[in-house]
Amino acid sequence: MTTELKTRWLPAAASGLLLTAAFPKLGLSVLAWVAFVPLFIALGNLSPQKAFRTGLIAGMVHYLTLLYWVVITMRTYGYLPWWQCIGLLVLLSTYLGLYPAFFAMLIVRFCRKPGRLLLLAPICWVALEYVRCFLLTGFPWGTLGYSQFNRLHIIQISDMFGVYGISFLIVLFNAGVYVTILRLAKWQWHGQDVSPRDLILAVMLPVTLVGLVLIYGNRRIHTVDARMTKAPSTRVAVVQGNIDQARKWDPVFQISTTKKYLDLTLSAATHQPDLIVWPETATPFYFGASPKLTRLVTETVQQTGAYLLVGSVSAQGTADRRAIYNSAYMVSPDGHATGRYDKVHLVPFGEYVPLKRLLSFVGKMVAQVGDFSSGNKGQTLAWGDATPPIGVQICFEIIFPGLSRALAKNGAGMLVNLTNDAWFDRSSAAYQHFAMTVFRAVENRRVLVRCANTGISGFIDPVGRIIAQSGLFEDAVIQKQVPVLKQTTLYTRMGDVLPLLCLIGMGAMIGRAMVKKRSPSDFTKRPIG
C-alpha cells in the first residue's frame, strides 16, 4: 500500500493540484504545460484498470480543488446543510473525474510505445473535453485551454481551433516533456525504451508547434489591431449595481434597488454612451409587467438618449400555462422595448430540474431552484439604424463556445455577457468565469462586453486583451469606445472541427480494438441455429 501511495496516488494527486493552480485565482498558467507529467509517470507500468483508478484520483483532486466554491453557493443560497453541500461537490467531482480516468485508461491501453503518446494523448484528452461540453447538458467549466487566457500570443489560434486547440497543444507539450524525461532517466514505458527517433520527435514536435503558434499569434494581433483602428466604433457603458443577493428579490428593497441602477445610469449618461448595459436580472421585477417600476426605467432611458440593454425575468402565456424566461430587453432611447433575448442554455438544478418527473425531490431540497424555459439559439438584438446587432449571452452561457459562435455567425458585431456572480461570493469562481469570456472574443474576433451584478464587469477586445475591468463587490460604471468588426473567423464559420476529428479518431481507435478482439475463430465456433 505504501508503494502504491508513492508511485500512483501521490503523483496523480500532484497532477490534479498543478492543473488547479494553473487556473484563477492562482492563475499560474505555466504549470499547465507540465501538470500531466506526474500522472504520466504514475501510469508508466499500470494495467488499464489501475490506470483508470489513477486517472480518477487525478481528476477528483483537480475538480475538488477547482470547484470548491460549489459548497459556498449551495450552503449560502441553497440553504443546504454542510454535509449535503460537500456531498454534492464530491458527487460532481467524481463525475468530472471520470474524464481524466478514461483518458488515463485509453493512453495505457493504446499507447504501448512511448512515442505514440505525442499524438494519442492530446487526441484522447480533447475528444473527452468535447464530450464533456455536451453530455448531460454539458459542463465545460475548467476546459484545459482556459488556463492560458492571459497568454495573448498563444490563444490567437482560437480563431481557427477554438479553446480546444490550446488544450491539444498543452497535452502534446506535456507528452513531449515526459518522453524526454523517460529517455534521460533511462526509464521504460510499459517495457518499451524511448528510441532516439522518439526523443527527437518529443523535443522537436512540441517546440516547433509552439513556435509556429507564437508566430501566428504575433501576426494575428497586428492584423486584428489594424482592423480595429479602421473599424467603426461605439461607446458602451456597463453598470455594476452591486446588489446583495439576499436582498435582490426582497419586495422591501425593490424600489431602492431600481433607483440605485437608475442613479448609476444617469451618471454614465454624462459621457454620452450609445449603449448602457445592466447585468442579469438587474430589475427586481418582471419588466413590462410592473407598470410603475417599468416606467421609472423607461423615463430614465429617455433622459439618457442611449439604448439600454437590461437583464430581467419575463413571462409569456396565461396564468395556467405561463412560461418564465431569464431575459435581456433592448430599450430604445424613446423608452420602448424593441427586442428581447431569452436565455438558451439554462443552469441545471439552478434554473430548471432535468428529468423533473424522476428528480422532483430536487426542487424541495434546493430552495432557490427555478423553473425557467429556454429561448432560441443564435437570436441577436437589433439596435440603431446602421449598427450590427448585438449577441447576448446570459450567465454561464458564455462558457459554451457554440452559443457565441452562433451569434457571431448570425451577424452580431458585439458580444455582451450579462451575469450575476454574487452566487460565488469572493471565491475563485468569479475569476474563472471572467477568464473564459476572453476566448469568446478571440474565437469570433468580436469585442466582448461583460456586465455583472457584483463583478467582474469589463471589456475584452477582439485579440483577447482585458482593456477594463471592475473589482468584486463594488458599485461601478465603466465606459469604453469599442470597435465593431464584421469579418468572420474560420472558427465562426466552421466550428469545432478539431475536437470533432479527435472524437472520431478516438472512436475509430476503440472500434478497431473491439473488432480485432473478436477474431474470425470466434464466429466459426458458434453453433448454427
Protein backbone atom coordinates (compact mmCIF):
# COMPACT_ATOMS: atom_id res chain seq x y z
CA MET A 1 0.00 0.00 0.00
CA THR A 2 2.85 2.40 0.83
CA THR A 3 4.49 1.74 -2.55
CA GLU A 4 1.19 2.24 -4.34
CA LEU A 5 0.67 5.52 -2.49
CA LYS A 6 4.09 6.82 -3.54
CA THR A 7 4.12 5.58 -7.12
CA ARG A 8 0.48 6.09 -8.12
CA TRP A 9 -1.71 8.14 -5.83
CA LEU A 10 0.66 10.96 -4.88
CA PRO A 11 1.82 11.68 -8.45
CA ALA A 12 -1.80 11.57 -9.64
CA ALA A 13 -2.86 13.96 -6.88
CA ALA A 14 0.09 16.22 -7.75
CA SER A 15 -1.16 16.44 -11.34
CA GLY A 16 -4.62 17.41 -10.08
CA LEU A 17 -3.20 20.16 -7.87
CA LEU A 18 -0.93 21.50 -10.63
CA LEU A 19 -3.88 21.70 -13.00
CA THR A 20 -5.94 23.66 -10.47
CA ALA A 21 -3.05 26.04 -9.76
CA ALA A 22 -2.93 26.89 -13.48
CA PHE A 23 -6.44 28.42 -13.27
CA PRO A 24 -7.52 31.63 -11.50
CA LYS A 25 -7.33 32.71 -8.69
CA LEU A 26 -3.76 31.46 -8.53
CA GLY A 27 -3.51 31.67 -12.32
CA LEU A 28 -0.06 30.07 -12.61
CA SER A 29 -0.78 29.20 -16.23
CA VAL A 30 2.73 27.91 -16.95
CA LEU A 31 2.07 24.93 -14.65
CA ALA A 32 -0.45 23.52 -17.13
CA TRP A 33 2.43 22.76 -19.51
CA VAL A 34 3.92 20.23 -17.07
CA ALA A 35 0.87 19.28 -14.98
CA PHE A 36 0.35 15.92 -16.72
CA VAL A 37 3.93 14.74 -16.23
CA PRO A 38 3.39 13.30 -12.69
CA LEU A 39 0.29 11.47 -13.94
CA PHE A 40 2.21 10.03 -16.91
CA ILE A 41 4.92 8.87 -14.52
CA ALA A 42 2.29 7.13 -12.37
CA LEU A 43 0.82 5.39 -15.44
CA GLY A 44 4.17 4.07 -16.65
CA ASN A 45 3.60 0.36 -15.97
CA LEU A 46 -0.05 0.09 -14.97
CA SER A 47 -2.82 -2.05 -16.40
CA PRO A 48 -5.78 -0.19 -17.98
CA GLN A 49 -7.92 -0.91 -14.90
CA LYS A 50 -5.37 0.54 -12.48
CA ALA A 51 -4.75 3.44 -14.87
CA PHE A 52 -8.48 4.25 -14.75
CA ARG A 53 -8.41 4.46 -10.94
CA THR A 54 -5.23 6.54 -11.01
CA GLY A 55 -6.72 8.96 -13.53
CA LEU A 56 -9.83 9.20 -11.37
CA ILE A 57 -7.70 10.29 -8.41
CA ALA A 58 -6.05 13.00 -10.53
CA GLY A 59 -9.41 14.18 -11.82
CA MET A 60 -11.13 14.22 -8.45
CA VAL A 61 -8.31 16.12 -6.77
CA HIS A 62 -8.38 18.65 -9.60
CA TYR A 63 -12.12 19.24 -9.57
CA LEU A 64 -12.48 19.17 -5.79
CA THR A 65 -9.96 22.00 -5.54
CA LEU A 66 -11.13 23.86 -8.65
CA LEU A 67 -14.86 23.76 -7.85
CA TYR A 68 -14.75 24.09 -4.05
CA TRP A 69 -16.98 27.17 -4.43
CA VAL A 70 -19.95 24.87 -5.13
CA VAL A 71 -20.12 24.31 -1.36
CA ILE A 72 -20.26 28.07 -0.73
CA THR A 73 -23.01 28.58 -3.30
CA MET A 74 -25.18 25.68 -2.15
CA ARG A 75 -24.71 26.49 1.53
CA THR A 76 -25.35 30.26 1.26
CA TYR A 77 -28.10 30.34 -1.36
CA GLY A 78 -29.40 26.77 -1.49
CA TYR A 79 -29.69 26.68 2.31
CA LEU A 80 -28.41 23.11 2.40
CA PRO A 81 -26.59 21.67 5.43
CA TRP A 82 -22.81 21.38 5.14
CA TRP A 83 -22.82 17.63 4.73
CA GLN A 84 -25.13 17.84 1.71
CA CYS A 85 -23.08 20.64 0.14
CA ILE A 86 -19.87 18.66 0.49
CA GLY A 87 -21.64 15.53 -0.75
CA LEU A 88 -22.79 17.35 -3.90
CA LEU A 89 -19.26 18.62 -4.53
CA VAL A 90 -17.83 15.11 -4.18
CA LEU A 91 -20.53 13.74 -6.50
CA LEU A 92 -19.84 16.41 -9.15
CA SER A 93 -16.07 15.94 -8.84
CA THR A 94 -16.44 12.19 -9.18
CA TYR A 95 -18.44 12.59 -12.38
CA LEU A 96 -15.95 15.08 -13.85
CA GLY A 97 -13.06 12.90 -12.66
CA LEU A 98 -14.31 10.13 -14.93
CA TYR A 99 -12.99 12.04 -17.94
CA PRO A 100 -9.33 12.02 -16.78
CA ALA A 101 -9.93 8.43 -15.68
CA PHE A 102 -10.96 7.36 -19.18
CA PHE A 103 -8.09 9.41 -20.59
CA ALA A 104 -5.58 7.53 -18.43
CA MET A 105 -7.11 4.17 -19.31
CA LEU A 106 -7.11 4.90 -23.05
CA ILE A 107 -3.50 6.01 -23.32
CA VAL A 108 -2.32 2.99 -21.32
CA ARG A 109 -4.42 0.69 -23.49
CA PHE A 110 -3.43 2.13 -26.87
CA CYS A 111 -0.04 3.79 -26.33
CA ARG A 112 2.12 0.73 -25.83
CA LYS A 113 5.08 2.61 -27.32
CA PRO A 114 6.16 5.88 -25.69
CA GLY A 115 6.33 7.80 -28.97
CA ARG A 116 2.61 7.30 -29.55
CA LEU A 117 1.83 9.47 -26.54
CA LEU A 118 2.70 12.54 -28.59
CA LEU A 119 -0.33 12.07 -30.81
CA LEU A 120 -2.79 9.87 -28.92
CA ALA A 121 -2.63 11.74 -25.58
CA PRO A 122 -3.81 15.10 -26.99
CA ILE A 123 -6.37 13.39 -29.25
CA CYS A 124 -7.95 11.50 -26.34
CA TRP A 125 -7.89 14.47 -23.98
CA VAL A 126 -9.52 16.88 -26.45
CA ALA A 127 -12.10 14.28 -27.51
CA LEU A 128 -13.14 13.76 -23.89
CA GLU A 129 -13.24 17.51 -23.22
CA TYR A 130 -15.53 17.86 -26.20
CA VAL A 131 -17.85 15.13 -24.89
CA ARG A 132 -17.96 16.89 -21.52
CA CYS A 133 -19.17 20.03 -23.32
CA PHE A 134 -22.49 18.46 -24.30
CA LEU A 135 -23.02 15.21 -22.35
CA LEU A 136 -25.74 15.51 -19.67
CA THR A 137 -26.47 19.11 -20.80
CA GLY A 138 -22.73 19.87 -20.74
CA PHE A 139 -20.38 21.37 -18.18
CA PRO A 140 -17.18 22.65 -19.88
CA TRP A 141 -16.06 24.65 -16.83
CA GLY A 142 -12.30 24.26 -16.43
CA THR A 143 -11.53 23.20 -20.01
CA LEU A 144 -7.73 22.99 -20.05
CA GLY A 145 -7.19 25.72 -22.65
CA TYR A 146 -8.92 28.30 -20.44
CA SER A 147 -5.89 28.28 -18.13
CA GLN A 148 -3.99 30.25 -20.82
CA PHE A 149 -6.42 33.19 -21.04
CA ASN A 150 -3.59 35.60 -20.15
CA ARG A 151 -1.11 34.19 -22.74
CA LEU A 152 -2.08 36.55 -25.54
CA HIS A 153 0.15 35.16 -28.29
CA ILE A 154 -0.76 31.54 -27.53
CA ILE A 155 -4.53 31.97 -27.56
CA GLN A 156 -4.73 33.58 -31.03
CA ILE A 157 -5.09 30.16 -32.67
CA SER A 158 -8.55 30.07 -31.08
CA ASP A 159 -9.87 31.86 -34.17
CA MET A 160 -9.17 28.58 -36.04
CA PHE A 161 -9.43 25.80 -33.45
CA GLY A 162 -11.30 27.32 -30.51
CA VAL A 163 -10.21 26.73 -26.92
CA TYR A 164 -9.69 23.06 -27.77
CA GLY A 165 -6.68 23.95 -29.90
CA ILE A 166 -4.95 25.27 -26.79
CA SER A 167 -5.84 22.11 -24.85
CA PHE A 168 -4.39 19.97 -27.67
CA LEU A 169 -1.13 21.93 -27.65
CA ILE A 170 -0.74 21.77 -23.85
CA VAL A 171 -1.24 17.99 -23.64
CA LEU A 172 1.11 17.40 -26.58
CA PHE A 173 3.76 19.52 -24.86
CA ASN A 174 3.30 17.56 -21.62
CA ALA A 175 3.74 14.30 -23.53
CA GLY A 176 6.93 15.65 -25.11
CA VAL A 177 8.35 16.61 -21.71
CA TYR A 178 7.50 13.18 -20.31
CA VAL A 179 9.03 11.21 -23.19
CA THR A 180 12.18 13.32 -22.88
CA ILE A 181 12.36 12.55 -19.16
CA LEU A 182 11.92 8.85 -19.91
CA ARG A 183 14.91 8.91 -22.25
CA LEU A 184 17.16 10.96 -19.97
CA ALA A 185 16.29 8.89 -16.88
CA LYS A 186 16.53 5.61 -18.85
CA TRP A 187 13.05 4.62 -17.72
CA GLN A 188 10.65 2.48 -19.70
CA TRP A 189 7.03 2.95 -20.72
CA HIS A 190 5.30 -0.43 -20.39
CA GLY A 191 8.55 -2.28 -21.01
CA GLN A 192 9.50 -0.12 -24.02
CA ASP A 193 12.59 2.08 -24.21
CA VAL A 194 12.47 5.52 -25.80
CA SER A 195 14.22 5.30 -29.14
CA PRO A 196 16.46 8.11 -30.45
CA ARG A 197 13.78 8.82 -33.07
CA ASP A 198 11.11 9.18 -30.37
CA LEU A 199 13.37 11.53 -28.42
CA ILE A 200 13.92 13.77 -31.44
CA LEU A 201 10.19 13.81 -32.11
CA ALA A 202 9.42 14.50 -28.42
CA VAL A 203 11.66 17.58 -28.49
CA MET A 204 11.13 18.91 -31.99
CA LEU A 205 7.36 18.49 -32.40
CA PRO A 206 6.26 20.49 -29.32
CA VAL A 207 8.93 23.16 -29.78
CA THR A 208 8.08 23.56 -33.47
CA LEU A 209 4.34 23.75 -32.87
CA VAL A 210 4.66 26.24 -30.02
CA GLY A 211 6.98 28.33 -32.18
CA LEU A 212 4.51 28.33 -35.07
CA VAL A 213 1.68 29.22 -32.69
CA LEU A 214 3.66 32.18 -31.33
CA ILE A 215 4.47 33.41 -34.83
CA TYR A 216 0.83 33.10 -35.87
CA GLY A 217 -0.26 34.86 -32.67
CA ASN A 218 2.08 37.78 -33.26
CA ARG A 219 0.87 38.26 -36.83
CA ARG A 220 -2.80 37.94 -35.95
CA ILE A 221 -2.51 40.51 -33.16
CA HIS A 222 -1.02 43.04 -35.61
CA THR A 223 -3.64 42.22 -38.27
CA VAL A 224 -6.63 42.49 -35.93
CA ASP A 225 -5.23 45.65 -34.32
CA ALA A 226 -5.05 47.22 -37.77
CA ARG A 227 -8.65 46.24 -38.46
CA MET A 228 -9.79 47.72 -35.17
CA THR A 229 -8.27 51.12 -35.96
CA LYS A 230 -10.23 51.26 -39.24
CA ALA A 231 -13.48 49.77 -37.94
CA PRO A 232 -16.49 51.84 -36.85
CA SER A 233 -16.81 52.15 -33.09
CA THR A 234 -19.46 52.74 -30.48
CA ARG A 235 -19.39 53.91 -26.88
CA VAL A 236 -20.67 51.42 -24.30
CA ALA A 237 -21.17 51.84 -20.56
CA VAL A 238 -21.67 48.95 -18.12
CA VAL A 239 -23.42 49.49 -14.80
CA GLN A 240 -22.45 47.26 -11.89
CA GLY A 241 -25.10 47.76 -9.22
CA ASN A 242 -23.53 45.54 -6.54
CA ILE A 243 -26.87 44.42 -5.12
CA ASP A 244 -26.75 41.98 -2.22
CA GLN A 245 -28.13 38.65 -3.43
CA ALA A 246 -30.08 38.21 -0.20
CA ARG A 247 -31.94 41.50 -0.85
CA LYS A 248 -32.22 41.27 -4.63
CA TRP A 249 -35.78 39.90 -4.71
CA ASP A 250 -36.96 41.22 -1.35
CA PRO A 251 -40.03 43.46 -2.01
CA VAL A 252 -38.84 45.83 0.72
CA PHE A 253 -35.77 46.73 -1.35
CA GLN A 254 -37.47 46.65 -4.76
CA ILE A 255 -37.67 50.41 -5.26
CA SER A 256 -34.27 51.19 -3.71
CA THR A 257 -32.59 48.57 -5.91
CA THR A 258 -34.20 50.03 -9.02
CA LYS A 259 -33.29 53.60 -8.07
CA LYS A 260 -29.68 52.60 -7.47
CA TYR A 261 -29.39 51.34 -11.04
CA LEU A 262 -31.12 54.48 -12.32
CA ASP A 263 -28.72 56.78 -10.46
CA LEU A 264 -25.69 54.89 -11.79
CA THR A 265 -27.23 55.03 -15.29
CA LEU A 266 -27.65 58.80 -15.11
CA SER A 267 -24.02 59.16 -14.02
CA ALA A 268 -22.99 57.04 -17.01
CA ALA A 269 -25.06 59.22 -19.33
CA THR A 270 -22.81 62.25 -18.71
CA HIS A 271 -20.26 60.65 -21.09
CA GLN A 272 -22.95 60.21 -23.79
CA PRO A 273 -22.70 56.45 -24.41
CA ASP A 274 -24.57 54.87 -27.30
CA LEU A 275 -25.44 51.80 -25.21
CA ILE A 276 -25.81 51.30 -21.47
CA VAL A 277 -25.78 47.74 -20.12
CA TRP A 278 -27.31 46.38 -16.91
CA PRO A 279 -26.49 42.87 -15.62
CA GLU A 280 -28.52 39.67 -15.49
CA THR A 281 -31.92 40.07 -13.74
CA ALA A 282 -30.98 43.64 -12.78
CA THR A 283 -34.62 44.63 -12.41
CA PRO A 284 -36.16 43.09 -9.26
CA PHE A 285 -39.48 42.83 -11.10
CA TYR A 286 -40.93 41.47 -14.35
CA PHE A 287 -40.06 44.12 -16.93
CA GLY A 288 -43.25 45.37 -18.60
CA ALA A 289 -45.48 43.52 -16.14
CA SER A 290 -44.93 46.05 -13.32
CA PRO A 291 -46.09 49.35 -14.89
CA LYS A 292 -44.82 51.78 -12.23
CA LEU A 293 -41.33 50.29 -11.91
CA THR A 294 -41.06 49.79 -15.67
CA ARG A 295 -41.99 53.45 -16.18
CA LEU A 296 -39.20 54.50 -13.81
CA VAL A 297 -36.73 52.71 -16.05
CA THR A 298 -38.09 53.89 -19.40
CA GLU A 299 -38.30 57.54 -18.27
CA THR A 300 -34.66 57.39 -17.21
CA VAL A 301 -33.71 55.89 -20.57
CA GLN A 302 -35.40 58.83 -22.29
CA GLN A 303 -33.24 61.21 -20.25
CA THR A 304 -30.02 59.48 -21.27
CA GLY A 305 -30.68 59.40 -25.02
CA ALA A 306 -28.98 56.00 -25.16
CA TYR A 307 -30.11 52.45 -25.75
CA LEU A 308 -30.41 50.30 -22.62
CA LEU A 309 -29.77 46.55 -22.51
CA VAL A 310 -31.31 45.32 -19.28
CA GLY A 311 -31.47 41.86 -17.74
CA SER A 312 -34.90 40.95 -16.40
CA VAL A 313 -37.14 37.98 -15.75
CA SER A 314 -40.01 37.84 -18.24
CA ALA A 315 -43.18 35.80 -18.63
CA GLN A 316 -45.40 34.72 -21.51
CA GLY A 317 -48.75 32.97 -21.65
CA THR A 318 -51.72 32.72 -19.35
CA ALA A 319 -51.74 32.09 -15.62
CA ASP A 320 -52.49 28.41 -16.28
CA ARG A 321 -49.71 27.96 -18.84
CA ARG A 322 -47.11 30.58 -18.12
CA ALA A 323 -43.54 30.29 -19.38
CA ILE A 324 -40.86 32.12 -17.37
CA TYR A 325 -37.65 33.30 -19.09
CA ASN A 326 -34.32 34.72 -17.97
CA SER A 327 -34.23 37.55 -20.48
CA ALA A 328 -32.48 40.66 -21.75
CA TYR A 329 -34.54 43.56 -23.13
CA MET A 330 -33.31 46.17 -25.59
CA VAL A 331 -34.90 49.51 -24.75
CA SER A 332 -34.61 52.32 -27.32
CA PRO A 333 -33.87 55.98 -26.41
CA ASP A 334 -37.59 56.74 -26.68
CA GLY A 335 -38.30 54.27 -23.86
CA HIS A 336 -39.83 51.41 -25.85
CA ALA A 337 -38.66 47.80 -25.64
CA THR A 338 -37.64 46.91 -29.21
CA GLY A 339 -36.40 43.36 -28.70
CA ARG A 340 -35.86 40.57 -26.19
CA TYR A 341 -33.36 37.74 -25.88
CA ASP A 342 -34.26 34.69 -23.77
CA LYS A 343 -31.53 32.60 -22.22
CA VAL A 344 -30.94 29.42 -24.22
CA HIS A 345 -28.74 27.19 -22.05
CA LEU A 346 -30.24 27.08 -18.57
CA VAL A 347 -28.36 26.07 -15.43
CA PRO A 348 -29.40 22.52 -14.45
CA PHE A 349 -30.67 22.35 -10.85
CA GLY A 350 -30.48 26.16 -10.73
CA GLU A 351 -32.92 27.35 -13.39
CA TYR A 352 -34.62 24.05 -14.10
CA VAL A 353 -34.64 20.43 -12.93
CA PRO A 354 -33.58 17.91 -15.59
CA LEU A 355 -35.82 14.83 -15.74
CA LYS A 356 -38.24 16.63 -13.47
CA ARG A 357 -40.60 13.68 -13.03
CA LEU A 358 -37.78 11.47 -11.76
CA LEU A 359 -35.98 14.18 -9.77
CA SER A 360 -38.91 16.11 -8.35
CA PHE A 361 -37.34 15.99 -4.87
CA VAL A 362 -34.56 18.37 -6.01
CA GLY A 363 -36.89 21.36 -6.11
CA LYS A 364 -37.73 20.72 -2.46
CA MET A 365 -34.11 20.11 -1.48
CA VAL A 366 -32.64 23.28 -3.06
CA ALA A 367 -34.57 26.35 -2.01
CA GLN A 368 -33.82 28.61 -4.97
CA VAL A 369 -34.10 26.16 -7.85
CA GLY A 370 -36.03 27.78 -10.70
CA ASP A 371 -38.45 26.62 -13.36
CA PHE A 372 -37.44 28.58 -16.47
CA SER A 373 -38.00 27.96 -20.17
CA SER A 374 -35.26 28.34 -22.78
CA GLY A 375 -35.08 30.68 -25.80
CA ASN A 376 -33.81 30.34 -29.38
CA LYS A 377 -30.13 29.76 -30.14
CA GLY A 378 -28.39 32.45 -32.21
CA GLN A 379 -31.04 35.15 -31.73
CA THR A 380 -29.49 38.63 -31.89
CA LEU A 381 -30.87 42.01 -30.80
CA ALA A 382 -31.07 44.89 -33.26
CA TRP A 383 -30.27 48.42 -32.16
CA GLY A 384 -29.55 51.64 -34.00
CA ASP A 385 -30.08 52.20 -37.70
CA ALA A 386 -26.67 51.27 -39.13
CA THR A 387 -25.16 49.28 -36.26
CA PRO A 388 -24.77 45.47 -36.44
CA PRO A 389 -26.96 43.61 -33.95
CA ILE A 390 -25.79 42.54 -30.51
CA GLY A 391 -25.24 38.95 -29.44
CA VAL A 392 -26.30 38.46 -25.81
CA GLN A 393 -25.33 35.59 -23.54
CA ILE A 394 -26.62 35.34 -20.00
CA CYS A 395 -24.53 33.99 -17.13
CA PHE A 396 -22.80 30.66 -17.79
CA GLU A 397 -23.96 30.54 -21.41
CA ILE A 398 -20.66 32.27 -22.12
CA ILE A 399 -18.69 29.09 -21.33
CA PHE A 400 -20.29 27.29 -24.30
CA PRO A 401 -18.33 28.23 -27.45
CA GLY A 402 -21.08 27.15 -29.82
CA LEU A 403 -23.55 29.73 -28.48
CA SER A 404 -21.19 32.68 -29.08
CA ARG A 405 -20.31 31.28 -32.48
CA ALA A 406 -24.00 31.07 -33.46
CA LEU A 407 -24.46 34.74 -32.53
CA ALA A 408 -21.40 35.90 -34.50
CA LYS A 409 -22.46 33.75 -37.45
CA ASN A 410 -25.87 35.44 -37.29
CA GLY A 411 -24.29 38.88 -37.74
CA ALA A 412 -23.59 40.04 -34.18
CA GLY A 413 -21.00 42.83 -34.22
CA MET A 414 -20.54 42.75 -30.45
CA LEU A 415 -20.92 40.05 -27.78
CA VAL A 416 -22.44 41.01 -24.44
CA ASN A 417 -22.38 38.79 -21.38
CA LEU A 418 -24.88 39.65 -18.63
CA THR A 419 -24.32 37.78 -15.40
CA ASN A 420 -24.87 37.74 -11.66
CA ASP A 421 -21.84 36.19 -9.98
CA ALA A 422 -22.98 37.15 -6.49
CA TRP A 423 -23.68 33.42 -6.04
CA PHE A 424 -19.92 32.81 -5.97
CA ASP A 425 -19.18 35.24 -3.12
CA ARG A 426 -15.41 36.06 -3.19
CA SER A 427 -14.28 32.62 -4.32
CA SER A 428 -12.17 31.91 -7.40
CA ALA A 429 -15.31 31.10 -9.44
CA ALA A 430 -15.88 34.73 -10.45
CA TYR A 431 -12.30 34.96 -11.76
CA GLN A 432 -12.58 31.64 -13.60
CA HIS A 433 -15.87 32.72 -15.17
CA PHE A 434 -14.40 36.01 -16.34
CA ALA A 435 -11.29 34.31 -17.78
CA MET A 436 -13.39 32.07 -20.01
CA THR A 437 -15.02 35.06 -21.71
CA VAL A 438 -11.64 36.01 -23.21
CA PHE A 439 -11.84 33.05 -25.59
CA ARG A 440 -15.26 34.01 -26.94
CA ALA A 441 -13.77 37.36 -28.04
CA VAL A 442 -10.76 35.76 -29.75
CA GLU A 443 -12.65 32.86 -31.35
CA ASN A 444 -15.03 35.21 -33.15
CA ARG A 445 -12.90 38.41 -33.28
CA ARG A 446 -15.58 40.43 -31.54
CA VAL A 447 -15.32 42.84 -28.66
CA LEU A 448 -16.89 41.32 -25.58
CA VAL A 449 -18.72 43.47 -23.05
CA ARG A 450 -19.35 41.91 -19.67
CA CYS A 451 -21.74 43.31 -17.07
CA ALA A 452 -22.03 41.59 -13.70
CA ASN A 453 -24.14 42.48 -10.68
CA THR A 454 -21.26 42.30 -8.19
CA GLY A 455 -18.34 41.93 -10.64
CA ILE A 456 -16.28 41.14 -12.53
CA SER A 457 -17.52 43.54 -15.23
CA GLY A 458 -15.28 44.65 -18.05
CA PHE A 459 -14.32 44.89 -21.71
CA ILE A 460 -12.27 42.44 -23.78
CA ASP A 461 -11.05 43.41 -27.24
CA PRO A 462 -11.03 41.07 -30.29
CA VAL A 463 -7.47 39.87 -29.62
CA GLY A 464 -8.27 38.95 -26.01
CA ARG A 465 -6.87 41.94 -24.15
CA ILE A 466 -8.74 42.82 -20.98
CA ILE A 467 -8.94 46.57 -21.59
CA ALA A 468 -11.00 47.36 -18.49
CA GLN A 469 -12.41 45.51 -15.52
CA SER A 470 -14.09 46.23 -12.22
CA GLY A 471 -13.37 44.81 -8.81
CA LEU A 472 -15.65 42.49 -6.90
CA PHE A 473 -18.49 43.78 -4.70
CA GLU A 474 -18.24 47.44 -5.60
CA ASP A 475 -20.52 49.94 -7.32
CA ALA A 476 -19.05 50.66 -10.72
CA VAL A 477 -19.67 52.37 -14.04
CA ILE A 478 -17.14 51.54 -16.76
CA GLN A 479 -17.17 53.10 -20.22
CA LYS A 480 -15.19 52.36 -23.36
CA GLN A 481 -15.19 53.23 -27.03
CA VAL A 482 -15.13 49.81 -28.67
CA PRO A 483 -14.64 48.67 -32.29
CA VAL A 484 -17.36 46.82 -34.18
CA LEU A 485 -15.85 44.21 -36.53
CA LYS A 486 -17.75 42.37 -39.24
CA GLN A 487 -15.23 39.80 -40.57
CA THR A 488 -15.90 36.19 -39.62
CA THR A 489 -13.17 33.83 -38.49
CA LEU A 490 -12.52 30.28 -39.60
CA TYR A 491 -13.80 29.12 -36.23
CA THR A 492 -17.02 31.13 -36.60
CA ARG A 493 -17.65 29.58 -40.00
CA MET A 494 -16.55 26.00 -39.31
CA GLY A 495 -16.94 25.50 -35.56
CA ASP A 496 -15.36 22.71 -33.50
CA VAL A 497 -13.73 20.74 -36.31
CA LEU A 498 -10.62 19.86 -34.28
CA PRO A 499 -12.39 18.24 -31.29
CA LEU A 500 -14.80 16.50 -33.64
CA LEU A 501 -11.87 14.97 -35.55
CA CYS A 502 -10.31 13.96 -32.22
CA LEU A 503 -13.57 12.32 -31.17
CA ILE A 504 -13.78 10.45 -34.47
CA GLY A 505 -10.15 9.39 -34.12
CA MET A 506 -10.66 8.15 -30.58
CA GLY A 507 -13.83 6.32 -31.60
CA ALA A 508 -12.06 4.68 -34.55
CA MET A 509 -9.23 3.59 -32.27
CA ILE A 510 -11.63 1.98 -29.79
CA GLY A 511 -13.72 0.43 -32.57
CA ARG A 512 -10.69 -1.10 -34.25
CA ALA A 513 -9.59 -2.65 -30.95
CA MET A 514 -13.05 -4.16 -30.42
CA VAL A 515 -13.08 -5.66 -33.91
CA LYS A 516 -9.58 -7.12 -33.51
CA LYS A 517 -10.59 -8.63 -30.18
CA ARG A 518 -13.24 -10.72 -31.97
CA SER A 519 -11.12 -12.89 -34.21
CA PRO A 520 -12.60 -14.96 -37.10
CA SER A 521 -12.29 -18.09 -34.97
CA ASP A 522 -14.97 -16.70 -32.68
CA PHE A 523 -17.50 -16.96 -35.48
CA THR A 524 -16.53 -20.49 -36.63
CA LYS A 525 -17.03 -21.83 -33.15
CA ARG A 526 -20.60 -20.59 -32.89
CA PRO A 527 -23.37 -23.19 -33.26
CA ILE A 528 -25.73 -22.79 -36.22
CA GLY A 529 -29.43 -22.29 -35.47
